N, C-alpha and C. Protein backbone atom coordinates (compact mmCIF):
# COMPACT_ATOMS: atom_id res chain seq x y z
N UNK A 1 11.83 11.33 40.72
CA UNK A 1 12.89 12.06 40.50
C UNK A 1 13.61 12.67 39.42
N UNK A 2 13.16 14.03 38.93
CA UNK A 2 14.41 14.31 38.06
C UNK A 2 15.38 14.58 38.02
N UNK A 3 16.17 14.08 37.47
CA UNK A 3 18.05 14.68 37.08
C UNK A 3 17.94 16.00 36.64
N UNK A 4 18.64 17.16 37.28
CA UNK A 4 18.44 18.08 36.44
C UNK A 4 19.80 18.37 35.83
N UNK A 5 19.60 19.07 34.87
CA UNK A 5 21.26 19.53 33.94
C UNK A 5 22.01 17.85 33.34
N UNK A 6 21.26 16.77 32.74
CA UNK A 6 21.29 15.58 32.49
C UNK A 6 20.73 15.44 31.33
N UNK A 7 21.03 15.95 29.93
CA UNK A 7 20.32 15.68 28.77
C UNK A 7 19.70 13.87 28.28
N UNK A 8 18.79 14.72 27.49
CA UNK A 8 18.61 13.37 26.60
C UNK A 8 19.16 12.43 26.41
N UNK A 9 19.13 11.15 26.83
CA UNK A 9 20.42 10.24 26.36
C UNK A 9 19.08 9.70 25.27
N UNK A 10 19.30 9.41 23.46
CA UNK A 10 18.40 8.21 22.52
C UNK A 10 18.53 7.56 22.13
N UNK A 11 18.39 6.25 22.37
CA UNK A 11 18.49 4.92 22.04
C UNK A 11 17.53 4.38 21.36
N UNK A 12 18.10 3.76 19.69
CA UNK A 12 19.19 4.33 19.05
C UNK A 12 18.73 5.05 17.85
N UNK A 13 20.01 5.29 17.43
CA UNK A 13 19.86 5.98 16.11
C UNK A 13 20.21 4.98 14.91
N UNK A 14 20.34 3.89 15.20
CA UNK A 14 20.14 2.05 14.19
C UNK A 14 18.44 3.10 13.38
N UNK A 15 16.80 3.12 13.81
CA UNK A 15 15.41 3.10 13.38
C UNK A 15 15.42 4.31 12.82
N UNK A 16 16.50 5.39 13.14
CA UNK A 16 15.77 6.61 12.35
C UNK A 16 17.53 6.04 11.01
N UNK A 17 18.53 5.80 10.94
CA UNK A 17 19.44 5.30 10.02
C UNK A 17 17.94 4.18 8.71
N UNK A 18 17.92 3.10 9.42
CA UNK A 18 16.71 2.38 8.59
C UNK A 18 15.85 3.00 7.95
N UNK A 19 14.97 3.67 8.68
CA UNK A 19 13.86 4.38 7.95
C UNK A 19 14.28 5.46 6.95
N UNK A 20 15.78 6.21 6.83
CA UNK A 20 16.70 7.13 5.71
C UNK A 20 16.76 6.52 4.80
N UNK A 21 17.59 5.24 4.72
CA UNK A 21 17.70 4.86 3.94
C UNK A 21 16.46 4.35 2.44
N UNK A 22 15.22 3.78 3.70
CA UNK A 22 14.21 3.89 2.43
C UNK A 22 13.85 5.16 2.17
N UNK A 23 13.87 6.20 3.02
CA UNK A 23 13.51 7.44 2.59
C UNK A 23 14.22 9.17 2.93
N UNK A 24 14.88 8.87 1.84
CA UNK A 24 16.25 9.98 2.03
C UNK A 24 15.91 11.29 2.22
N UNK A 25 14.84 11.52 1.62
CA UNK A 25 14.64 12.90 2.31
C UNK A 25 14.10 13.28 3.68
N UNK A 26 14.42 12.35 4.48
CA UNK A 26 13.86 12.12 5.91
C UNK A 26 14.93 12.18 6.55
N UNK A 27 16.00 12.07 5.80
CA UNK A 27 17.77 12.37 6.97
C UNK A 27 17.75 13.24 7.52
N UNK A 28 18.08 14.58 6.48
CA UNK A 28 18.10 16.09 7.36
C UNK A 28 17.21 16.28 8.47
N UNK A 29 15.82 15.77 8.38
CA UNK A 29 14.93 16.33 9.70
C UNK A 29 15.14 15.09 10.76
N UNK A 30 15.27 14.20 10.52
CA UNK A 30 15.57 12.74 11.06
C UNK A 30 17.22 13.32 12.11
N UNK A 31 17.88 13.89 11.48
CA UNK A 31 19.31 13.81 11.94
C UNK A 31 19.51 15.67 12.72
N UNK A 32 18.36 15.92 12.69
CA UNK A 32 17.78 17.33 13.37
C UNK A 32 17.01 17.45 14.50
N UNK A 33 16.19 16.53 14.16
CA UNK A 33 15.71 16.07 15.96
C UNK A 33 15.94 15.06 16.64
N UNK A 34 17.60 13.94 16.14
CA UNK A 34 18.36 13.32 16.85
C UNK A 34 18.92 14.32 17.74
N UNK A 35 19.68 15.63 17.22
CA UNK A 35 20.02 16.65 17.58
C UNK A 35 19.32 17.29 18.32
N UNK A 36 18.82 17.73 18.36
CA UNK A 36 17.53 18.83 19.55
C UNK A 36 17.28 17.91 20.11
N UNK A 37 16.79 16.43 20.08
CA UNK A 37 16.49 15.54 21.35
C UNK A 37 18.05 15.63 21.88
N UNK A 38 18.59 15.18 21.28
CA UNK A 38 20.17 14.57 23.01
C UNK A 38 20.48 15.85 23.42
N UNK A 39 19.91 17.68 23.15
CA UNK A 39 20.38 18.47 23.41
C UNK A 39 19.17 19.17 23.91
N UNK A 40 18.04 18.21 25.24
CA UNK A 40 17.46 18.76 25.49
C UNK A 40 17.22 17.58 26.96
N UNK A 41 16.04 18.67 27.89
CA UNK A 41 15.93 19.10 29.17
C UNK A 41 14.58 18.53 29.67
N UNK A 42 14.30 17.64 28.71
CA UNK A 42 12.50 17.67 28.64
C UNK A 42 12.22 16.68 30.56
N UNK A 43 11.41 17.41 31.51
CA UNK A 43 10.59 16.58 32.12
C UNK A 43 8.87 16.27 31.96
N UNK A 44 8.86 16.73 30.91
CA UNK A 44 7.06 16.28 30.78
C UNK A 44 6.78 16.41 29.32
N UNK A 45 6.09 16.29 29.02
CA UNK A 45 5.43 16.66 27.38
C UNK A 45 4.96 17.68 26.97
N UNK A 46 4.80 18.13 28.45
CA UNK A 46 4.54 19.81 28.09
C UNK A 46 5.81 20.80 27.86
N UNK A 47 6.82 20.06 28.46
CA UNK A 47 8.43 20.07 28.05
C UNK A 47 8.38 20.20 26.10
N UNK A 48 8.31 18.83 25.53
CA UNK A 48 8.72 18.07 24.68
C UNK A 48 7.72 19.32 23.71
N UNK A 49 6.85 19.89 24.50
CA UNK A 49 5.80 20.31 23.10
C UNK A 49 6.00 21.89 23.02
N UNK A 50 6.99 21.99 23.89
CA UNK A 50 7.59 23.92 23.64
C UNK A 50 9.25 23.67 22.90
N UNK A 51 9.71 22.75 22.51
CA UNK A 51 9.85 22.32 20.47
C UNK A 51 9.49 21.29 20.11
N UNK A 52 8.66 20.79 20.47
CA UNK A 52 7.97 20.13 19.15
C UNK A 52 6.30 20.57 19.84
N UNK A 53 5.61 21.45 19.29
CA UNK A 53 3.94 21.82 19.34
C UNK A 53 3.18 20.95 19.03
N UNK A 54 3.91 20.12 18.01
CA UNK A 54 2.56 19.42 17.99
C UNK A 54 3.29 17.78 18.52
N UNK A 55 3.79 17.67 19.25
CA UNK A 55 4.24 16.30 19.51
C UNK A 55 2.48 15.72 20.29
N UNK A 56 1.98 14.29 20.84
CA UNK A 56 0.77 14.04 20.98
C UNK A 56 1.52 12.30 22.14
N UNK A 57 0.40 12.89 23.32
CA UNK A 57 1.31 12.14 23.60
C UNK A 57 -0.39 10.69 23.76
N UNK A 58 0.94 9.27 23.43
CA UNK A 58 -0.68 8.23 22.76
C UNK A 58 -0.48 6.80 24.13
N UNK A 59 -1.51 6.27 24.28
CA UNK A 59 -1.29 5.17 25.56
C UNK A 59 -1.62 3.89 24.34
N UNK A 60 -0.26 3.01 24.46
CA UNK A 60 -0.75 1.75 24.00
C UNK A 60 -0.57 0.52 24.20
N UNK A 61 -1.41 -0.35 25.16
CA UNK A 61 -0.90 -1.87 25.69
C UNK A 61 0.15 -1.64 27.11
N UNK A 62 -0.16 -0.38 27.66
CA UNK A 62 -0.16 0.13 29.20
C UNK A 62 1.27 1.26 28.93
N UNK A 63 1.94 1.23 26.98
CA UNK A 63 3.13 2.43 26.75
C UNK A 63 2.42 3.65 26.98
N UNK A 64 3.51 5.01 28.03
CA UNK A 64 3.03 5.91 27.16
C UNK A 64 4.03 6.83 26.60
N UNK A 65 3.37 6.47 25.21
CA UNK A 65 4.30 6.93 23.96
C UNK A 65 4.18 8.29 23.44
N UNK A 66 4.69 9.17 22.84
CA UNK A 66 5.31 10.44 21.99
C UNK A 66 5.62 10.04 20.91
N UNK A 67 3.96 11.36 19.84
CA UNK A 67 4.33 10.97 18.66
C UNK A 67 4.47 12.54 18.08
N UNK A 68 6.15 12.25 16.83
CA UNK A 68 6.13 13.77 16.86
C UNK A 68 6.24 13.59 15.43
N UNK A 69 6.03 14.91 14.73
CA UNK A 69 5.68 15.06 13.18
C UNK A 69 7.32 15.20 12.71
N UNK A 70 7.70 14.83 11.51
CA UNK A 70 9.15 14.51 10.93
C UNK A 70 8.84 15.22 9.77
N UNK A 71 9.81 16.32 9.54
CA UNK A 71 9.33 16.19 8.46
C UNK A 71 8.61 17.00 7.12
N UNK A 72 7.93 18.17 8.20
CA UNK A 72 6.75 18.65 7.57
C UNK A 72 5.82 18.08 7.93
N UNK A 73 5.30 17.32 8.56
CA UNK A 73 4.28 16.56 8.80
C UNK A 73 4.12 15.10 7.88
N UNK A 74 5.79 14.60 7.11
CA UNK A 74 5.06 14.45 6.14
C UNK A 74 5.55 12.01 6.92
N UNK A 75 5.88 12.66 8.11
CA UNK A 75 6.62 11.24 8.57
C UNK A 75 5.98 10.96 10.17
N UNK A 76 6.14 10.44 10.74
CA UNK A 76 5.78 10.39 12.60
C UNK A 76 7.28 9.11 13.03
N UNK A 77 7.74 9.99 14.32
CA UNK A 77 8.31 9.06 14.88
C UNK A 77 7.59 8.89 16.15
N UNK A 78 7.71 7.31 16.75
CA UNK A 78 7.36 7.31 18.02
C UNK A 78 7.75 7.15 18.89
N UNK A 79 8.67 7.65 19.78
CA UNK A 79 9.37 7.18 20.97
C UNK A 79 9.02 7.07 22.26
N UNK A 80 9.49 6.01 22.86
CA UNK A 80 8.72 5.87 24.59
C UNK A 80 9.65 6.89 25.46
N UNK A 81 9.24 8.21 25.92
CA UNK A 81 10.06 8.41 26.43
C UNK A 81 10.60 9.20 27.96
N UNK A 82 11.32 8.27 28.78
CA UNK A 82 11.60 7.98 30.12
C UNK A 82 12.23 9.45 31.37
N UNK A 83 11.21 10.10 31.32
CA UNK A 83 11.78 11.61 31.94
C UNK A 83 12.48 11.68 33.07
N UNK A 84 12.48 10.04 33.86
CA UNK A 84 12.83 10.17 35.11
C UNK A 84 14.38 9.97 34.88
N UNK A 85 14.86 9.51 33.63
CA UNK A 85 16.31 8.88 33.53
C UNK A 85 16.63 9.82 33.16
N UNK A 86 15.74 10.44 31.80
CA UNK A 86 16.23 11.92 30.11
C UNK A 86 16.49 10.24 29.15
N UNK A 87 15.93 9.45 28.81
CA UNK A 87 15.91 8.67 28.22
C UNK A 87 15.11 8.01 27.52
N UNK A 88 15.07 8.58 26.05
CA UNK A 88 14.43 7.71 24.58
C UNK A 88 14.29 6.71 24.29
N UNK A 89 13.53 5.76 23.60
CA UNK A 89 13.76 4.37 23.29
C UNK A 89 12.94 5.29 22.04
N UNK A 90 13.32 5.04 20.85
CA UNK A 90 12.48 5.15 19.18
C UNK A 90 12.27 4.03 18.84
N UNK A 91 10.22 3.74 18.59
CA UNK A 91 9.95 2.58 18.64
C UNK A 91 9.53 2.66 16.96
N UNK A 92 9.52 3.22 16.49
CA UNK A 92 9.04 4.04 15.00
C UNK A 92 9.52 4.90 14.29
N UNK A 93 9.58 4.88 13.17
CA UNK A 93 9.46 6.15 12.48
C UNK A 93 8.58 5.24 11.05
N UNK A 94 7.77 6.50 10.87
CA UNK A 94 7.07 5.60 9.76
C UNK A 94 6.72 6.61 8.98
N UNK A 95 5.64 6.35 8.08
CA UNK A 95 4.87 6.83 6.82
C UNK A 95 3.90 7.41 7.81
N UNK A 96 2.96 8.63 6.67
CA UNK A 96 2.03 9.52 7.33
C UNK A 96 1.16 7.86 7.27
N UNK A 97 0.97 7.19 6.18
CA UNK A 97 0.15 6.13 6.03
C UNK A 97 0.43 4.98 6.62
N UNK A 98 1.70 4.60 7.01
CA UNK A 98 1.76 3.31 7.95
C UNK A 98 1.27 3.97 9.30
N UNK A 99 1.93 4.82 9.69
CA UNK A 99 1.45 5.25 10.93
C UNK A 99 -0.02 5.34 11.24
N UNK A 100 -1.45 5.32 10.52
CA UNK A 100 -2.51 5.98 9.89
C UNK A 100 -3.17 4.49 10.11
N UNK A 101 -2.68 3.57 9.15
CA UNK A 101 -2.48 1.82 9.45
C UNK A 101 -2.98 1.59 10.66
N UNK A 102 -2.40 1.88 12.11
CA UNK A 102 -2.33 1.55 13.55
C UNK A 102 -1.40 0.03 13.45
N UNK A 103 -0.48 -0.30 12.73
CA UNK A 103 -0.10 -1.61 13.07
C UNK A 103 0.67 -1.25 13.88
N UNK A 104 1.73 -0.05 14.47
CA UNK A 104 2.63 0.37 15.10
C UNK A 104 2.48 0.33 16.72
N UNK A 105 1.19 0.64 16.90
CA UNK A 105 -0.45 0.09 18.35
C UNK A 105 0.54 -1.50 18.51
N UNK A 106 0.50 -2.54 17.65
CA UNK A 106 0.38 -3.60 18.30
C UNK A 106 1.43 -4.06 18.99
């Protein structure tokens, strides 16, 4: 059941902060992602793609995750989105090289 007029809640900002401390140029696009996402009301990946056209759904060990390009495709943000509860759990923020290594799937 989708609860209408409930904005997405991102849990948590901590992995974003940790990433932009190592990659300062990622701070602005990650803050923008956080704000945009916090103002969203998504019911499916199709809705996410209205905001982030290049978002991809990925299944790993039973979890359905969403991968978004950040900073002009320089970085990847991997999150589990619970549309039924309007919750996003940030699993990882990665450089393209880290993402391509596939260790985040483990």
